[in-house]
Each structure stands twice: as C-alpha cells, then as structure tokens.
Amino acid sequence: MAWNVDGTRMPYRQHSEVPRRLYVDNELFQGKYLVGGRAISISNIHCPMLAVAAVADHVAPWHSVYRLHLQSDATELTFVLTSGGHNVGIVNEPGHPCRRFQMATCKEGERCLDAETWKAQTPVTQGSWWPAWDQWLAQRSSGSATPPLMGAPEKG
C-alpha cells in the first residue's frame, strides 16, 4: 500500500478545487461543473463509459457510483464492482487470487437494473478486473500508435 504515502503530485489549486467541486459539492452530477466557462454534466457524455466501484469503498460507496445509470446518456455504460476498499479495489493488478469482480453493460435504450438486483444477478469473476478493462478498451479502440513526445511540435 505504498501509494498511501506517495504525494499527490498535483498543483495546489487543482488539489484543493477538484476534490471539493467533484466530490464534496458534486457539481458534475448536478450539471454545474464548469469547463472553459461552460457547465457540463454526466448527461453530456455520449460515448461508451466504464465505471468502477469497490464494494467496501468508504470514499465513493458503490451504490453512489452505480447511480451513474440515472444520469448517463452514454451509448453504453459498463459497471464494474470490485472487491476491496477505496485503494485495493482500484489498484488491483492481476496476480491476486483473492480478488474478484462483477461486470455488466447497460446499452442505450435498455432499462438498467437497480443496484441490488444488478449485484444479485451479475456473475462474479475471480481475479483482477484489469484484464477485463483491457479487453473493454481494445474492443472500443481503433488501434495503437506511439504517443507524441511532450513538447514536440505536431507534424501535419
């Protein structure tokens, strides 16, 4: 759990404003989060989304994260519920046999299940959720490319 002693590596303003605006005041969920002077909300996202929650997370309880289904207009919303708490549930690299997760997708136009029904009906998979996330990304990606060097001028 070395990440607990690592610094945030964020500028002061970002470290103080982002958690307050996104977590405490919940501006994005309420449609009040400003980007470039314009309010945006979850419903402005019209592409596939994958949301991850940890069953024992004390910072973002999984039922709260699951509520994305109520606000999202995404073409599909894949929800992953992983074992563990706030850190262990997310930093859950492959190789830990005690880890497990549940994962299901609600597509545009489908009626999504309530959280408890979803949890009861979604199969449990043993292991890390990371390989499933990698597959999810690969299925929705157009290929791979070498990223540009930071600060290098773009060609074109």
C-alpha atoms as a PDB file:
ATOM      1  CA  MET A   1       0.000   0.000   0.000  1.00  0.00           C
ATOM      2  CA  ALA A   2       2.868   2.337  -0.852  1.00  0.00           C
ATOM      3  CA  TRP A   3       0.516   4.689  -2.741  1.00  0.00           C
ATOM      4  CA  ASN A   4      -0.840   5.861   0.624  1.00  0.00           C
ATOM      5  CA  VAL A   5       2.467   7.625   1.381  1.00  0.00           C
ATOM      6  CA  ASP A   6       3.032   8.980  -2.130  1.00  0.00           C
ATOM      7  CA  GLY A   7       2.485  12.707  -2.665  1.00  0.00           C
ATOM      8  CA  THR A   8      -0.436  13.870  -4.770  1.00  0.00           C
ATOM      9  CA  ARG A   9       1.805  15.411  -7.424  1.00  0.00           C
ATOM     10  CA  MET A  10      -0.941  17.908  -8.213  1.00  0.00           C
ATOM     11  CA  PRO A  11      -0.737  21.691  -8.209  1.00  0.00           C
ATOM     12  CA  TYR A  12      -2.195  23.206  -5.030  1.00  0.00           C
ATOM     13  CA  ARG A  13      -5.158  24.807  -6.804  1.00  0.00           C
ATOM     14  CA  GLN A  14      -6.112  21.545  -8.520  1.00  0.00           C
ATOM     15  CA  HIS A  15      -5.700  19.583  -5.294  1.00  0.00           C
ATOM     16  CA  SER A  16      -7.954  21.970  -3.404  1.00  0.00           C
ATOM     17  CA  GLU A  17     -10.606  22.706  -6.058  1.00  0.00           C
ATOM     18  CA  VAL A  18     -11.123  19.403  -7.856  1.00  0.00           C
ATOM     19  CA  PRO A  19     -11.967  17.264  -4.808  1.00  0.00           C
ATOM     20  CA  ARG A  20     -14.225  19.969  -3.407  1.00  0.00           C
ATOM     21  CA  ARG A  21     -16.054  20.617  -6.683  1.00  0.00           C
ATOM     22  CA  LEU A  22     -16.341  16.993  -7.813  1.00  0.00           C
ATOM     23  CA  TYR A  23     -16.725  15.126  -4.515  1.00  0.00           C
ATOM     24  CA  VAL A  24     -17.974  17.485  -1.827  1.00  0.00           C
ATOM     25  CA  ASP A  25     -20.192  19.742  -3.949  1.00  0.00           C
ATOM     26  CA  ASN A  26     -20.904  17.024  -6.563  1.00  0.00           C
ATOM     27  CA  GLU A  27     -21.021  19.643  -9.351  1.00  0.00           C
ATOM     28  CA  LEU A  28     -20.587  17.234 -12.277  1.00  0.00           C
ATOM     29  CA  PHE A  29     -23.529  15.072 -11.213  1.00  0.00           C
ATOM     30  CA  GLN A  30     -25.662  18.207 -10.744  1.00  0.00           C
ATOM     31  CA  GLY A  31     -24.699  19.710 -14.126  1.00  0.00           C
ATOM     32  CA  LYS A  32     -22.859  22.634 -12.520  1.00  0.00           C
ATOM     33  CA  TYR A  33     -19.219  21.692 -13.237  1.00  0.00           C
ATOM     34  CA  LEU A  34     -17.575  24.387 -15.375  1.00  0.00           C
ATOM     35  CA  VAL A  35     -15.120  23.548 -18.146  1.00  0.00           C
ATOM     36  CA  GLY A  36     -13.954  26.507 -20.177  1.00  0.00           C
ATOM     37  CA  GLY A  37     -16.691  28.602 -18.585  1.00  0.00           C
ATOM     38  CA  ARG A  38     -19.438  26.196 -19.691  1.00  0.00           C
ATOM     39  CA  ALA A  39     -21.429  23.918 -17.372  1.00  0.00           C
ATOM     40  CA  ILE A  40     -21.214  20.220 -18.232  1.00  0.00           C
ATOM     41  CA  SER A  41     -22.842  17.148 -16.742  1.00  0.00           C
ATOM     42  CA  ILE A  42     -22.725  13.375 -16.927  1.00  0.00           C
ATOM     43  CA  SER A  43     -25.566  13.510 -19.468  1.00  0.00           C
ATOM     44  CA  ASN A  44     -23.265  15.398 -21.887  1.00  0.00           C
ATOM     45  CA  ILE A  45     -21.175  12.243 -22.374  1.00  0.00           C
ATOM     46  CA  HIS A  46     -22.416  10.321 -25.439  1.00  0.00           C
ATOM     47  CA  CYS A  47     -19.839   7.575 -25.808  1.00  0.00           C
ATOM     48  CA  PRO A  48     -19.226   4.234 -24.092  1.00  0.00           C
ATOM     49  CA  MET A  49     -18.382   4.621 -20.398  1.00  0.00           C
ATOM     50  CA  LEU A  50     -16.845   2.213 -17.912  1.00  0.00           C
ATOM     51  CA  ALA A  51     -17.333   2.998 -14.231  1.00  0.00           C
ATOM     52  CA  VAL A  52     -15.527   1.158 -11.446  1.00  0.00           C
ATOM     53  CA  ALA A  53     -16.544   0.965  -7.807  1.00  0.00           C
ATOM     54  CA  ALA A  54     -15.216  -1.045  -4.884  1.00  0.00           C
ATOM     55  CA  VAL A  55     -17.649  -2.883  -2.647  1.00  0.00           C
ATOM     56  CA  ALA A  56     -16.075  -1.597   0.591  1.00  0.00           C
ATOM     57  CA  ASP A  57     -15.108   1.910  -0.590  1.00  0.00           C
ATOM     58  CA  HIS A  58     -15.624   4.454   2.175  1.00  0.00           C
ATOM     59  CA  VAL A  59     -14.948   7.474  -0.090  1.00  0.00           C
ATOM     60  CA  ALA A  60     -17.186   6.581  -3.071  1.00  0.00           C
ATOM     61  CA  PRO A  61     -19.713   3.974  -1.872  1.00  0.00           C
ATOM     62  CA  TRP A  62     -20.570   1.665  -4.747  1.00  0.00           C
ATOM     63  CA  HIS A  63     -24.311   2.429  -4.637  1.00  0.00           C
ATOM     64  CA  SER A  64     -23.448   6.097  -5.245  1.00  0.00           C
ATOM     65  CA  VAL A  65     -21.223   5.261  -8.207  1.00  0.00           C
ATOM     66  CA  TYR A  66     -23.921   2.962  -9.619  1.00  0.00           C
ATOM     67  CA  ARG A  67     -26.235   5.988  -9.719  1.00  0.00           C
ATOM     68  CA  LEU A  68     -24.410   6.988 -12.916  1.00  0.00           C
ATOM     69  CA  HIS A  69     -27.101   4.880 -14.587  1.00  0.00           C
ATOM     70  CA  LEU A  70     -29.646   7.550 -13.576  1.00  0.00           C
ATOM     71  CA  GLN A  71     -27.713  10.450 -15.150  1.00  0.00           C
ATOM     72  CA  SER A  72     -25.887   8.911 -18.079  1.00  0.00           C
ATOM     73  CA  ASP A  73     -26.880   9.257 -21.717  1.00  0.00           C
ATOM     74  CA  ALA A  74     -23.867   7.198 -22.749  1.00  0.00           C
ATOM     75  CA  THR A  75     -24.253   4.826 -25.677  1.00  0.00           C
ATOM     76  CA  GLU A  76     -23.414   2.110 -23.163  1.00  0.00           C
ATOM     77  CA  LEU A  77     -22.458   2.100 -19.507  1.00  0.00           C
ATOM     78  CA  THR A  78     -20.337  -0.775 -18.258  1.00  0.00           C
ATOM     79  CA  PHE A  79     -20.274  -1.024 -14.487  1.00  0.00           C
ATOM     80  CA  VAL A  80     -17.572  -2.915 -12.595  1.00  0.00           C
ATOM     81  CA  LEU A  81     -17.917  -3.749  -8.910  1.00  0.00           C
ATOM     82  CA  THR A  82     -14.637  -4.976  -7.497  1.00  0.00           C
ATOM     83  CA  SER A  83     -13.756  -6.493  -4.154  1.00  0.00           C
ATOM     84  CA  GLY A  84     -11.800  -4.447  -1.655  1.00  0.00           C
ATOM     85  CA  GLY A  85     -11.937  -0.894  -0.469  1.00  0.00           C
ATOM     86  CA  HIS A  86     -11.059   2.517  -1.845  1.00  0.00           C
ATOM     87  CA  ASN A  87      -7.436   1.766  -2.817  1.00  0.00           C
ATOM     88  CA  VAL A  88      -7.254  -2.018  -3.010  1.00  0.00           C
ATOM     89  CA  GLY A  89     -10.361  -2.239  -5.188  1.00  0.00           C
ATOM     90  CA  ILE A  90      -8.904   0.041  -7.842  1.00  0.00           C
ATOM     91  CA  VAL A  91      -5.196  -0.756  -7.560  1.00  0.00           C
ATOM     92  CA  ASN A  92      -5.975  -4.394  -8.179  1.00  0.00           C
ATOM     93  CA  GLU A  93      -3.334  -5.635 -10.579  1.00  0.00           C
ATOM     94  CA  PRO A  94      -3.501  -9.237 -11.854  1.00  0.00           C
ATOM     95  CA  GLY A  95      -1.951 -11.954  -9.729  1.00  0.00           C
ATOM     96  CA  HIS A  96      -4.007 -11.676  -6.541  1.00  0.00           C
ATOM     97  CA  PRO A  97      -6.116 -14.858  -6.306  1.00  0.00           C
ATOM     98  CA  CYS A  98      -8.388 -13.446  -3.577  1.00  0.00           C
ATOM     99  CA  ARG A  99      -9.658 -10.603  -5.788  1.00  0.00           C
ATOM    100  CA  ARG A 100     -12.976 -10.789  -7.633  1.00  0.00           C
ATOM    101  CA  PHE A 101     -15.294  -8.518  -9.586  1.00  0.00           C
ATOM    102  CA  GLN A 102     -18.653  -8.252 -11.281  1.00  0.00           C
ATOM    103  CA  MET A 103     -19.079  -6.548 -14.650  1.00  0.00           C
ATOM    104  CA  ALA A 104     -22.093  -5.897 -16.862  1.00  0.00           C
ATOM    105  CA  THR A 105     -23.110  -3.414 -19.540  1.00  0.00           C
ATOM    106  CA  CYS A 106     -26.357  -1.495 -19.944  1.00  0.00           C
ATOM    107  CA  LYS A 107     -26.765  -0.315 -23.548  1.00  0.00           C
ATOM    108  CA  GLU A 108     -28.582   2.748 -24.785  1.00  0.00           C
ATOM    109  CA  GLY A 109     -32.326   2.136 -24.818  1.00  0.00           C
ATOM    110  CA  GLU A 110     -32.175  -0.727 -22.312  1.00  0.00           C
ATOM    111  CA  ARG A 111     -33.741  -0.457 -18.886  1.00  0.00           C
ATOM    112  CA  CYS A 112     -30.975  -0.699 -16.296  1.00  0.00           C
ATOM    113  CA  LEU A 113     -31.422  -2.709 -13.129  1.00  0.00           C
ATOM    114  CA  ASP A 114     -31.471  -1.221  -9.642  1.00  0.00           C
ATOM    115  CA  ALA A 115     -28.178  -1.648  -7.762  1.00  0.00           C
ATOM    116  CA  GLU A 116     -29.148  -4.588  -5.533  1.00  0.00           C
ATOM    117  CA  THR A 117     -30.775  -6.547  -8.370  1.00  0.00           C
ATOM    118  CA  TRP A 118     -27.727  -5.881 -10.539  1.00  0.00           C
ATOM    119  CA  LYS A 119     -25.416  -7.194  -7.792  1.00  0.00           C
ATOM    120  CA  ALA A 120     -27.554 -10.294  -7.196  1.00  0.00           C
ATOM    121  CA  GLN A 121     -27.832 -11.169 -10.910  1.00  0.00           C
ATOM    122  CA  THR A 122     -24.348 -10.305 -12.220  1.00  0.00           C
ATOM    123  CA  PRO A 123     -21.892 -13.227 -12.180  1.00  0.00           C
ATOM    124  CA  VAL A 124     -18.766 -12.979 -10.017  1.00  0.00           C
ATOM    125  CA  THR A 125     -15.426 -13.395 -11.799  1.00  0.00           C
ATOM    126  CA  GLN A 126     -12.318 -14.380  -9.842  1.00  0.00           C
ATOM    127  CA  GLY A 127      -9.198 -12.262 -10.233  1.00  0.00           C
ATOM    128  CA  SER A 128      -8.421  -8.653 -11.105  1.00  0.00           C
ATOM    129  CA  TRP A 129     -10.800  -6.527 -13.160  1.00  0.00           C
ATOM    130  CA  TRP A 130      -7.860  -5.058 -15.074  1.00  0.00           C
ATOM    131  CA  PRO A 131      -7.744  -7.729 -17.862  1.00  0.00           C
ATOM    132  CA  ALA A 132     -11.493  -7.237 -18.453  1.00  0.00           C
ATOM    133  CA  TRP A 133     -10.906  -3.475 -18.624  1.00  0.00           C
ATOM    134  CA  ASP A 134      -8.070  -4.058 -21.120  1.00  0.00           C
ATOM    135  CA  GLN A 135     -10.444  -6.115 -23.307  1.00  0.00           C
ATOM    136  CA  TRP A 136     -13.132  -3.435 -22.994  1.00  0.00           C
ATOM    137  CA  LEU A 137     -10.669  -0.781 -24.164  1.00  0.00           C
ATOM    138  CA  ALA A 138      -9.331  -2.946 -27.018  1.00  0.00           C
ATOM    139  CA  GLN A 139     -12.857  -3.587 -28.328  1.00  0.00           C
ATOM    140  CA  ARG A 140     -13.536   0.162 -28.491  1.00  0.00           C
ATOM    141  CA  SER A 141     -10.159   1.320 -29.759  1.00  0.00           C
ATOM    142  CA  SER A 142      -9.099   1.972 -33.317  1.00  0.00           C
ATOM    143  CA  GLY A 143      -5.618   0.572 -32.847  1.00  0.00           C
ATOM    144  CA  SER A 144      -2.412   1.640 -31.223  1.00  0.00           C
ATOM    145  CA  ALA A 145       0.117   4.323 -32.028  1.00  0.00           C
ATOM    146  CA  THR A 146       3.229   5.709 -30.459  1.00  0.00           C
ATOM    147  CA  PRO A 147       2.266   8.740 -28.373  1.00  0.00           C
ATOM    148  CA  PRO A 148       3.868  12.046 -29.314  1.00  0.00           C
ATOM    149  CA  LEU A 149       6.713  13.339 -27.189  1.00  0.00           C
ATOM    150  CA  MET A 150       5.578  16.006 -24.753  1.00  0.00           C
ATOM    151  CA  GLY A 151       6.582  19.420 -26.003  1.00  0.00           C
ATOM    152  CA  ALA A 152       7.413  18.153 -29.510  1.00  0.00           C
ATOM    153  CA  PRO A 153       5.717  20.021 -32.349  1.00  0.00           C
ATOM    154  CA  GLU A 154       2.970  18.070 -34.098  1.00  0.00           C
ATOM    155  CA  LYS A 155       3.524  17.021 -37.695  1.00  0.00           C
ATOM    156  CA  GLY A 156       0.975  17.889 -40.222  1.00  0.00           C
END
